[in-house]
Amino acid sequence: MQETTTQVRDTQHTQRVAFSELHRPGTYVCNETGTLFRIPQDALVSGRSPLIEIVSTQPTMMTKLSDDPWLPISKARELAADCDLYISF
């Protein structure tokens, strides 16, 4: 009997979250546009620059690819593709 193994990518660290609910630094992809967002800790501190804001009538859903906001582009593309996300970066 032949044993078959299936390789599965680890996507347990990816999570979908509304942009307005981002509270942790990391690398994110906008689900609608495929745009890459690098969110450093400084962007999340209230009252400090750089402040990022998206205004929309619908929630802008993001998928977190990594806790590292400076994840290399090639790795970000690989992770986004593994999650079947549209890539526009």
PDB file of N, CA and C in Angstrom:
ATOM      1  N   MET A   1       0.842  -1.169   0.000  1.00  0.00           N
ATOM      2  CA  MET A   1       0.000   0.000   0.000  1.00  0.00           C
ATOM      3  C   MET A   1       0.896   1.243   0.000  1.00  0.00           C
ATOM      4  N   GLN A   2       0.593   2.182  -0.893  1.00  0.00           N
ATOM      5  CA  GLN A   2       1.397   3.392  -1.009  1.00  0.00           C
ATOM      6  C   GLN A   2       0.842   4.486  -0.093  1.00  0.00           C
ATOM      7  N   GLU A   3       1.750   5.111   0.664  1.00  0.00           N
ATOM      8  CA  GLU A   3       1.332   6.175   1.576  1.00  0.00           C
ATOM      9  C   GLU A   3       1.404   7.513   0.845  1.00  0.00           C
ATOM     10  N   THR A   4       0.362   8.304   0.970  1.00  0.00           N
ATOM     11  CA  THR A   4       0.311   9.607   0.317  1.00  0.00           C
ATOM     12  C   THR A   4       0.384  10.692   1.372  1.00  0.00           C
ATOM     13  N   THR A   5       1.218  11.689   1.118  1.00  0.00           N
ATOM     14  CA  THR A   5       1.296  12.822   2.045  1.00  0.00           C
ATOM     15  C   THR A   5       0.929  14.082   1.293  1.00  0.00           C
ATOM     16  N   THR A   6       0.255  14.956   1.962  1.00  0.00           N
ATOM     17  CA  THR A   6      -0.144  16.231   1.391  1.00  0.00           C
ATOM     18  C   THR A   6       0.537  17.336   2.171  1.00  0.00           C
ATOM     19  N   GLN A   7       1.197  18.216   1.440  1.00  0.00           N
ATOM     20  CA  GLN A   7       1.850  19.341   2.098  1.00  0.00           C
ATOM     21  C   GLN A   7       0.842  20.481   2.212  1.00  0.00           C
ATOM     22  N   VAL A   8       0.671  20.982   3.416  1.00  0.00           N
ATOM     23  CA  VAL A   8      -0.275  22.065   3.667  1.00  0.00           C
ATOM     24  C   VAL A   8       0.503  23.261   4.174  1.00  0.00           C
ATOM     25  N   ARG A   9       0.280  24.417   3.580  1.00  0.00           N
ATOM     26  CA  ARG A   9       0.931  25.653   4.024  1.00  0.00           C
ATOM     27  C   ARG A   9       0.335  26.086   5.354  1.00  0.00           C
ATOM     28  N   ASP A  10       1.183  26.626   6.203  1.00  0.00           N
ATOM     29  CA  ASP A  10       0.742  27.118   7.502  1.00  0.00           C
ATOM     30  C   ASP A  10       0.159  28.514   7.332  1.00  0.00           C
ATOM     31  N   THR A  11      -1.172  28.628   7.364  1.00  0.00           N
ATOM     32  CA  THR A  11      -1.822  29.925   7.251  1.00  0.00           C
ATOM     33  C   THR A  11      -2.562  30.271   8.536  1.00  0.00           C
ATOM     34  N   GLN A  12      -2.184  29.607   9.622  1.00  0.00           N
ATOM     35  CA  GLN A  12      -2.888  29.847  10.879  1.00  0.00           C
ATOM     36  C   GLN A  12      -2.666  31.245  11.419  1.00  0.00           C
ATOM     37  N   HIS A  13      -1.596  31.921  10.976  1.00  0.00           N
ATOM     38  CA  HIS A  13      -1.317  33.248  11.489  1.00  0.00           C
ATOM     39  C   HIS A  13      -2.046  34.337  10.724  1.00  0.00           C
ATOM     40  N   THR A  14      -2.682  33.999   9.594  1.00  0.00           N
ATOM     41  CA  THR A  14      -3.420  35.005   8.853  1.00  0.00           C
ATOM     42  C   THR A  14      -4.785  35.187   9.502  1.00  0.00           C
ATOM     43  N   GLN A  15      -5.229  36.417   9.516  1.00  0.00           N
ATOM     44  CA  GLN A  15      -6.547  36.703  10.072  1.00  0.00           C
ATOM     45  C   GLN A  15      -7.173  37.850   9.311  1.00  0.00           C
ATOM     46  N   ARG A  16      -8.469  37.795   9.132  1.00  0.00           N
ATOM     47  CA  ARG A  16      -9.194  38.866   8.457  1.00  0.00           C
ATOM     48  C   ARG A  16      -9.763  39.798   9.525  1.00  0.00           C
ATOM     49  N   VAL A  17      -9.595  41.089   9.264  1.00  0.00           N
ATOM     50  CA  VAL A  17     -10.035  42.085  10.230  1.00  0.00           C
ATOM     51  C   VAL A  17     -10.409  43.354   9.469  1.00  0.00           C
ATOM     52  N   ALA A  18     -11.398  44.084   9.971  1.00  0.00           N
ATOM     53  CA  ALA A  18     -11.751  45.373   9.381  1.00  0.00           C
ATOM     54  C   ALA A  18     -10.630  46.365   9.661  1.00  0.00           C
ATOM     55  N   PHE A  19     -10.344  47.234   8.706  1.00  0.00           N
ATOM     56  CA  PHE A  19      -9.267  48.203   8.871  1.00  0.00           C
ATOM     57  C   PHE A  19      -9.462  49.024  10.144  1.00  0.00           C
ATOM     58  N   SER A  20     -10.692  49.375  10.437  1.00  0.00           N
ATOM     59  CA  SER A  20     -10.977  50.182  11.633  1.00  0.00           C
ATOM     60  C   SER A  20     -10.696  49.427  12.927  1.00  0.00           C
ATOM     61  N   GLU A  21     -10.508  48.119  12.832  1.00  0.00           N
ATOM     62  CA  GLU A  21     -10.254  47.291  14.016  1.00  0.00           C
ATOM     63  C   GLU A  21      -8.782  46.884  14.145  1.00  0.00           C
ATOM     64  N   LEU A  22      -7.909  47.453  13.325  1.00  0.00           N
ATOM     65  CA  LEU A  22      -6.489  47.121  13.427  1.00  0.00           C
ATOM     66  C   LEU A  22      -5.916  47.675  14.725  1.00  0.00           C
ATOM     67  N   HIS A  23      -5.352  46.806  15.518  1.00  0.00           N
ATOM     68  CA  HIS A  23      -4.757  47.223  16.787  1.00  0.00           C
ATOM     69  C   HIS A  23      -3.351  46.670  16.976  1.00  0.00           C
ATOM     70  N   ARG A  24      -2.854  45.925  15.998  1.00  0.00           N
ATOM     71  CA  ARG A  24      -1.531  45.312  16.112  1.00  0.00           C
ATOM     72  C   ARG A  24      -0.702  45.618  14.871  1.00  0.00           C
ATOM     73  N   PRO A  25       0.588  45.845  15.051  1.00  0.00           N
ATOM     74  CA  PRO A  25       1.444  46.088  13.888  1.00  0.00           C
ATOM     75  C   PRO A  25       1.566  44.830  13.037  1.00  0.00           C
ATOM     76  N   GLY A  26       1.910  45.033  11.771  1.00  0.00           N
ATOM     77  CA  GLY A  26       2.110  43.888  10.894  1.00  0.00           C
ATOM     78  C   GLY A  26       1.994  44.271   9.441  1.00  0.00           C
ATOM     79  N   THR A  27       2.016  43.245   8.591  1.00  0.00           N
ATOM     80  CA  THR A  27       1.833  43.402   7.154  1.00  0.00           C
ATOM     81  C   THR A  27       0.437  42.898   6.822  1.00  0.00           C
ATOM     82  N   TYR A  28      -0.336  43.734   6.153  1.00  0.00           N
ATOM     83  CA  TYR A  28      -1.726  43.432   5.818  1.00  0.00           C
ATOM     84  C   TYR A  28      -1.955  43.620   4.328  1.00  0.00           C
ATOM     85  N   VAL A  29      -2.951  42.908   3.780  1.00  0.00           N
ATOM     86  CA  VAL A  29      -3.382  43.084   2.402  1.00  0.00           C
ATOM     87  C   VAL A  29      -4.860  43.453   2.432  1.00  0.00           C
ATOM     88  N   CYS A  30      -5.217  44.492   1.671  1.00  0.00           N
ATOM     89  CA  CYS A  30      -6.623  44.866   1.536  1.00  0.00           C
ATOM     90  C   CYS A  30      -7.305  43.811   0.670  1.00  0.00           C
ATOM     91  N   ASN A  31      -8.346  43.204   1.178  1.00  0.00           N
ATOM     92  CA  ASN A  31      -9.010  42.114   0.458  1.00  0.00           C
ATOM     93  C   ASN A  31      -9.641  42.581  -0.853  1.00  0.00           C
ATOM     94  N   GLU A  32     -10.116  43.818  -0.914  1.00  0.00           N
ATOM     95  CA  GLU A  32     -10.804  44.313  -2.102  1.00  0.00           C
ATOM     96  C   GLU A  32      -9.834  44.745  -3.203  1.00  0.00           C
ATOM     97  N   THR A  33      -8.726  45.384  -2.840  1.00  0.00           N
ATOM     98  CA  THR A  33      -7.832  45.972  -3.838  1.00  0.00           C
ATOM     99  C   THR A  33      -6.528  45.219  -4.028  1.00  0.00           C
ATOM    100  N   GLY A  34      -6.147  44.392  -3.075  1.00  0.00           N
ATOM    101  CA  GLY A  34      -4.876  43.687  -3.142  1.00  0.00           C
ATOM    102  C   GLY A  34      -3.690  44.557  -2.766  1.00  0.00           C
ATOM    103  N   THR A  35      -3.954  45.732  -2.207  1.00  0.00           N
ATOM    104  CA  THR A  35      -2.898  46.661  -1.811  1.00  0.00           C
ATOM    105  C   THR A  35      -2.246  46.192  -0.523  1.00  0.00           C
ATOM    106  N   LEU A  36      -0.916  46.295  -0.468  1.00  0.00           N
ATOM    107  CA  LEU A  36      -0.163  45.917   0.726  1.00  0.00           C
ATOM    108  C   LEU A  36      -0.081  47.109   1.673  1.00  0.00           C
ATOM    109  N   PHE A  37      -0.333  46.873   2.944  1.00  0.00           N
ATOM    110  CA  PHE A  37      -0.210  47.895   3.987  1.00  0.00           C
ATOM    111  C   PHE A  37       0.812  47.428   5.003  1.00  0.00           C
ATOM    112  N   ARG A  38       1.775  48.269   5.296  1.00  0.00           N
ATOM    113  CA  ARG A  38       2.739  48.005   6.361  1.00  0.00           C
ATOM    114  C   ARG A  38       2.321  48.885   7.534  1.00  0.00           C
ATOM    115  N   ILE A  39       1.924  48.271   8.609  1.00  0.00           N
ATOM    116  CA  ILE A  39       1.435  49.008   9.775  1.00  0.00           C
ATOM    117  C   ILE A  39       2.447  48.844  10.905  1.00  0.00           C
ATOM    118  N   PRO A  40       3.338  49.843  11.096  1.00  0.00           N
ATOM    119  CA  PRO A  40       4.285  49.770  12.205  1.00  0.00           C
ATOM    120  C   PRO A  40       3.606  50.176  13.512  1.00  0.00           C
ATOM    121  N   GLN A  41       4.249  49.892  14.607  1.00  0.00           N
ATOM    122  CA  GLN A  41       3.697  50.225  15.922  1.00  0.00           C
ATOM    123  C   GLN A  41       3.370  51.718  16.031  1.00  0.00           C
ATOM    124  N   ASP A  42       4.236  52.584  15.463  1.00  0.00           N
ATOM    125  CA  ASP A  42       4.005  54.029  15.533  1.00  0.00           C
ATOM    126  C   ASP A  42       2.691  54.454  14.888  1.00  0.00           C
ATOM    127  N   ALA A  43       2.222  53.717  13.896  1.00  0.00           N
ATOM    128  CA  ALA A  43       0.970  54.060  13.228  1.00  0.00           C
ATOM    129  C   ALA A  43      -0.247  53.784  14.110  1.00  0.00           C
ATOM    130  N   LEU A  44      -0.056  53.007  15.143  1.00  0.00           N
ATOM    131  CA  LEU A  44      -1.172  52.607  15.995  1.00  0.00           C
ATOM    132  C   LEU A  44      -1.251  53.386  17.299  1.00  0.00           C
ATOM    133  N   VAL A  45      -0.236  54.178  17.594  1.00  0.00           N
ATOM    134  CA  VAL A  45      -0.215  54.953  18.831  1.00  0.00           C
ATOM    135  C   VAL A  45      -1.101  56.180  18.646  1.00  0.00           C
ATOM    136  N   SER A  46      -2.071  56.341  19.500  1.00  0.00           N
ATOM    137  CA  SER A  46      -3.010  57.445  19.404  1.00  0.00           C
ATOM    138  C   SER A  46      -2.297  58.794  19.521  1.00  0.00           C
ATOM    139  N   GLY A  47      -2.605  59.699  18.589  1.00  0.00           N
ATOM    140  CA  GLY A  47      -2.053  61.036  18.629  1.00  0.00           C
ATOM    141  C   GLY A  47      -0.676  61.198  18.029  1.00  0.00           C
ATOM    142  N   ARG A  48      -0.107  60.130  17.472  1.00  0.00           N
ATOM    143  CA  ARG A  48       1.237  60.209  16.876  1.00  0.00           C
ATOM    144  C   ARG A  48       1.173  59.970  15.384  1.00  0.00           C
ATOM    145  N   SER A  49       2.141  60.496  14.672  1.00  0.00           N
ATOM    146  CA  SER A  49       2.281  60.264  13.239  1.00  0.00           C
ATOM    147  C   SER A  49       3.077  58.987  13.027  1.00  0.00           C
ATOM    148  N   PRO A  50       2.935  58.283  11.925  1.00  0.00           N
ATOM    149  CA  PRO A  50       1.964  58.537  10.862  1.00  0.00           C
ATOM    150  C   PRO A  50       0.612  57.922  11.206  1.00  0.00           C
ATOM    151  N   LEU A  51      -0.434  58.654  10.990  1.00  0.00           N
ATOM    152  CA  LEU A  51      -1.798  58.180  11.220  1.00  0.00           C
ATOM    153  C   LEU A  51      -2.379  57.746   9.884  1.00  0.00           C
ATOM    154  N   ILE A  52      -2.951  56.584   9.835  1.00  0.00           N
ATOM    155  CA  ILE A  52      -3.536  56.053   8.606  1.00  0.00           C
ATOM    156  C   ILE A  52      -5.035  55.966   8.814  1.00  0.00           C
ATOM    157  N   GLU A  53      -5.786  56.479   7.848  1.00  0.00           N
ATOM    158  CA  GLU A  53      -7.239  56.430   7.953  1.00  0.00           C
ATOM    159  C   GLU A  53      -7.824  56.106   6.591  1.00  0.00           C
ATOM    160  N   ILE A  54      -8.776  55.188   6.555  1.00  0.00           N
ATOM    161  CA  ILE A  54      -9.524  54.877   5.338  1.00  0.00           C
ATOM    162  C   ILE A  54     -10.973  55.184   5.641  1.00  0.00           C
ATOM    163  N   VAL A  55     -11.601  56.006   4.811  1.00  0.00           N
ATOM    164  CA  VAL A  55     -12.995  56.385   5.002  1.00  0.00           C
ATOM    165  C   VAL A  55     -13.805  55.730   3.890  1.00  0.00           C
ATOM    166  N   SER A  56     -14.813  54.967   4.280  1.00  0.00           N
ATOM    167  CA  SER A  56     -15.624  54.235   3.321  1.00  0.00           C
ATOM    168  C   SER A  56     -16.988  53.948   3.921  1.00  0.00           C
ATOM    169  N   THR A  57     -17.997  53.773   3.068  1.00  0.00           N
ATOM    170  CA  THR A  57     -19.322  53.426   3.570  1.00  0.00           C
ATOM    171  C   THR A  57     -19.391  51.953   3.984  1.00  0.00           C
ATOM    172  N   GLN A  58     -18.505  51.145   3.430  1.00  0.00           N
ATOM    173  CA  GLN A  58     -18.429  49.722   3.778  1.00  0.00           C
ATOM    174  C   GLN A  58     -17.135  49.459   4.530  1.00  0.00           C
ATOM    175  N   PRO A  59     -17.119  48.483   5.421  1.00  0.00           N
ATOM    176  CA  PRO A  59     -15.861  48.171   6.111  1.00  0.00           C
ATOM    177  C   PRO A  59     -14.801  47.703   5.103  1.00  0.00           C
ATOM    178  N   THR A  60     -13.590  48.184   5.259  1.00  0.00           N
ATOM    179  CA  THR A  60     -12.470  47.750   4.432  1.00  0.00           C
ATOM    180  C   THR A  60     -11.829  46.569   5.148  1.00  0.00           C
ATOM    181  N   MET A  61     -11.982  45.396   4.554  1.00  0.00           N
ATOM    182  CA  MET A  61     -11.472  44.186   5.181  1.00  0.00           C
ATOM    183  C   MET A  61     -10.021  43.959   4.771  1.00  0.00           C
ATOM    184  N   MET A  62      -9.223  43.609   5.763  1.00  0.00           N
ATOM    185  CA  MET A  62      -7.801  43.370   5.580  1.00  0.00           C
ATOM    186  C   MET A  62      -7.483  41.956   6.045  1.00  0.00           C
ATOM    187  N   THR A  63      -6.457  41.371   5.457  1.00  0.00           N
ATOM    188  CA  THR A  63      -5.949  40.092   5.924  1.00  0.00           C
ATOM    189  C   THR A  63      -4.521  40.316   6.406  1.00  0.00           C
ATOM    190  N   LYS A  64      -4.280  39.943   7.653  1.00  0.00           N
ATOM    191  CA  LYS A  64      -2.948  40.079   8.230  1.00  0.00           C
ATOM    192  C   LYS A  64      -2.094  38.913   7.768  1.00  0.00           C
ATOM    193  N   LEU A  65      -0.954  39.250   7.145  1.00  0.00           N
ATOM    194  CA  LEU A  65      -0.041  38.216   6.665  1.00  0.00           C
ATOM    195  C   LEU A  65       1.049  37.893   7.674  1.00  0.00           C
ATOM    196  N   SER A  66       1.451  38.897   8.456  1.00  0.00           N
ATOM    197  CA  SER A  66       2.577  38.708   9.357  1.00  0.00           C
ATOM    198  C   SER A  66       2.542  39.755  10.463  1.00  0.00           C
ATOM    199  N   ASP A  67       3.140  39.420  11.599  1.00  0.00           N
ATOM    200  CA  ASP A  67       3.325  40.388  12.679  1.00  0.00           C
ATOM    201  C   ASP A  67       4.423  41.390  12.334  1.00  0.00           C
ATOM    202  N   ASP A  68       5.257  41.040  11.355  1.00  0.00           N
ATOM    203  CA  ASP A  68       6.378  41.882  10.955  1.00  0.00           C
ATOM    204  C   ASP A  68       5.921  42.896   9.913  1.00  0.00           C
ATOM    205  N   PRO A  69       5.899  44.203  10.247  1.00  0.00           N
ATOM    206  CA  PRO A  69       5.471  45.188   9.253  1.00  0.00           C
ATOM    207  C   PRO A  69       6.461  45.350   8.102  1.00  0.00           C
ATOM    208  N   TRP A  70       7.675  44.843   8.237  1.00  0.00           N
ATOM    209  CA  TRP A  70       8.691  44.980   7.198  1.00  0.00           C
ATOM    210  C   TRP A  70       8.984  43.645   6.508  1.00  0.00           C
ATOM    211  N   LEU A  71       7.985  42.794   6.443  1.00  0.00           N
ATOM    212  CA  LEU A  71       8.079  41.518   5.740  1.00  0.00           C
ATOM    213  C   LEU A  71       8.496  41.763   4.290  1.00  0.00           C
ATOM    214  N   PRO A  72       9.489  41.019   3.774  1.00  0.00           N
ATOM    215  CA  PRO A  72       9.907  41.215   2.382  1.00  0.00           C
ATOM    216  C   PRO A  72       8.734  41.027   1.408  1.00  0.00           C
ATOM    217  N   ILE A  73       8.740  41.815   0.338  1.00  0.00           N
ATOM    218  CA  ILE A  73       7.663  41.782  -0.655  1.00  0.00           C
ATOM    219  C   ILE A  73       7.464  40.376  -1.215  1.00  0.00           C
ATOM    220  N   SER A  74       8.548  39.673  -1.520  1.00  0.00           N
ATOM    221  CA  SER A  74       8.418  38.333  -2.101  1.00  0.00           C
ATOM    222  C   SER A  74       7.694  37.389  -1.141  1.00  0.00           C
ATOM    223  N   LYS A  75       8.005  37.477   0.142  1.00  0.00           N
ATOM    224  CA  LYS A  75       7.343  36.631   1.137  1.00  0.00           C
ATOM    225  C   LYS A  75       5.884  37.048   1.298  1.00  0.00           C
ATOM    226  N   ALA A  76       5.617  38.357   1.277  1.00  0.00           N
ATOM    227  CA  ALA A  76       4.231  38.843   1.383  1.00  0.00           C
ATOM    228  C   ALA A  76       3.394  38.337   0.207  1.00  0.00           C
ATOM    229  N   ARG A  77       3.967  38.367  -0.990  1.00  0.00           N
ATOM    230  CA  ARG A  77       3.247  37.852  -2.167  1.00  0.00           C
ATOM    231  C   ARG A  77       2.959  36.362  -2.023  1.00  0.00           C
ATOM    232  N   GLU A  78       3.938  35.630  -1.542  1.00  0.00           N
ATOM    233  CA  GLU A  78       3.767  34.183  -1.349  1.00  0.00           C
ATOM    234  C   GLU A  78       2.644  33.893  -0.348  1.00  0.00           C
ATOM    235  N   LEU A  79       2.670  34.591   0.781  1.00  0.00           N
ATOM    236  CA  LEU A  79       1.642  34.374   1.805  1.00  0.00           C
ATOM    237  C   LEU A  79       0.259  34.786   1.303  1.00  0.00           C
ATOM    238  N   ALA A  80       0.179  35.911   0.580  1.00  0.00           N
ATOM    239  CA  ALA A  80      -1.105  36.361   0.038  1.00  0.00           C
ATOM    240  C   ALA A  80      -1.643  35.351  -0.973  1.00  0.00           C
ATOM    241  N   ALA A  81      -0.767  34.823  -1.816  1.00  0.00           N
ATOM    242  CA  ALA A  81      -1.186  33.815  -2.789  1.00  0.00           C
ATOM    243  C   ALA A  81      -1.674  32.548  -2.089  1.00  0.00           C
ATOM    244  N   ASP A  82      -1.005  32.161  -1.008  1.00  0.00           N
ATOM    245  CA  ASP A  82      -1.422  30.989  -0.240  1.00  0.00           C
ATOM    246  C   ASP A  82      -2.826  31.166   0.340  1.00  0.00           C
ATOM    247  N   CYS A  83      -3.194  32.415   0.585  1.00  0.00           N
ATOM    248  CA  CYS A  83      -4.531  32.722   1.141  1.00  0.00           C
ATOM    249  C   CYS A  83      -5.550  33.014   0.039  1.00  0.00           C
ATOM    250  N   ASP A  84      -5.148  32.826  -1.219  1.00  0.00           N
ATOM    251  CA  ASP A  84      -6.002  33.104  -2.365  1.00  0.00           C
ATOM    252  C   ASP A  84      -6.486  34.551  -2.397  1.00  0.00           C
ATOM    253  N   LEU A  85      -5.602  35.491  -2.022  1.00  0.00           N
ATOM    254  CA  LEU A  85      -5.936  36.902  -2.046  1.00  0.00           C
ATOM    255  C   LEU A  85      -5.497  37.528  -3.358  1.00  0.00           C
ATOM    256  N   TYR A  86      -6.224  38.527  -3.805  1.00  0.00           N
ATOM    257  CA  TYR A  86      -5.838  39.309  -4.968  1.00  0.00           C
ATOM    258  C   TYR A  86      -4.577  40.078  -4.594  1.00  0.00           C
ATOM    259  N   ILE A  87      -3.580  40.083  -5.484  1.00  0.00           N
ATOM    260  CA  ILE A  87      -2.293  40.741  -5.197  1.00  0.00           C
ATOM    261  C   ILE A  87      -2.103  41.881  -6.190  1.00  0.00           C
ATOM    262  N   SER A  88      -1.902  43.076  -5.640  1.00  0.00           N
ATOM    263  CA  SER A  88      -1.678  44.255  -6.472  1.00  0.00           C
ATOM    264  C   SER A  88      -0.490  45.044  -5.912  1.00  0.00           C
ATOM    265  N   PHE A  89       0.577  44.340  -5.594  1.00  0.00           N
ATOM    266  CA  PHE A  89       1.782  44.996  -5.088  1.00  0.00           C
ATOM    267  C   PHE A  89       3.001  44.239  -5.565  1.00  0.00           C
TER     268      PHE A  89
END
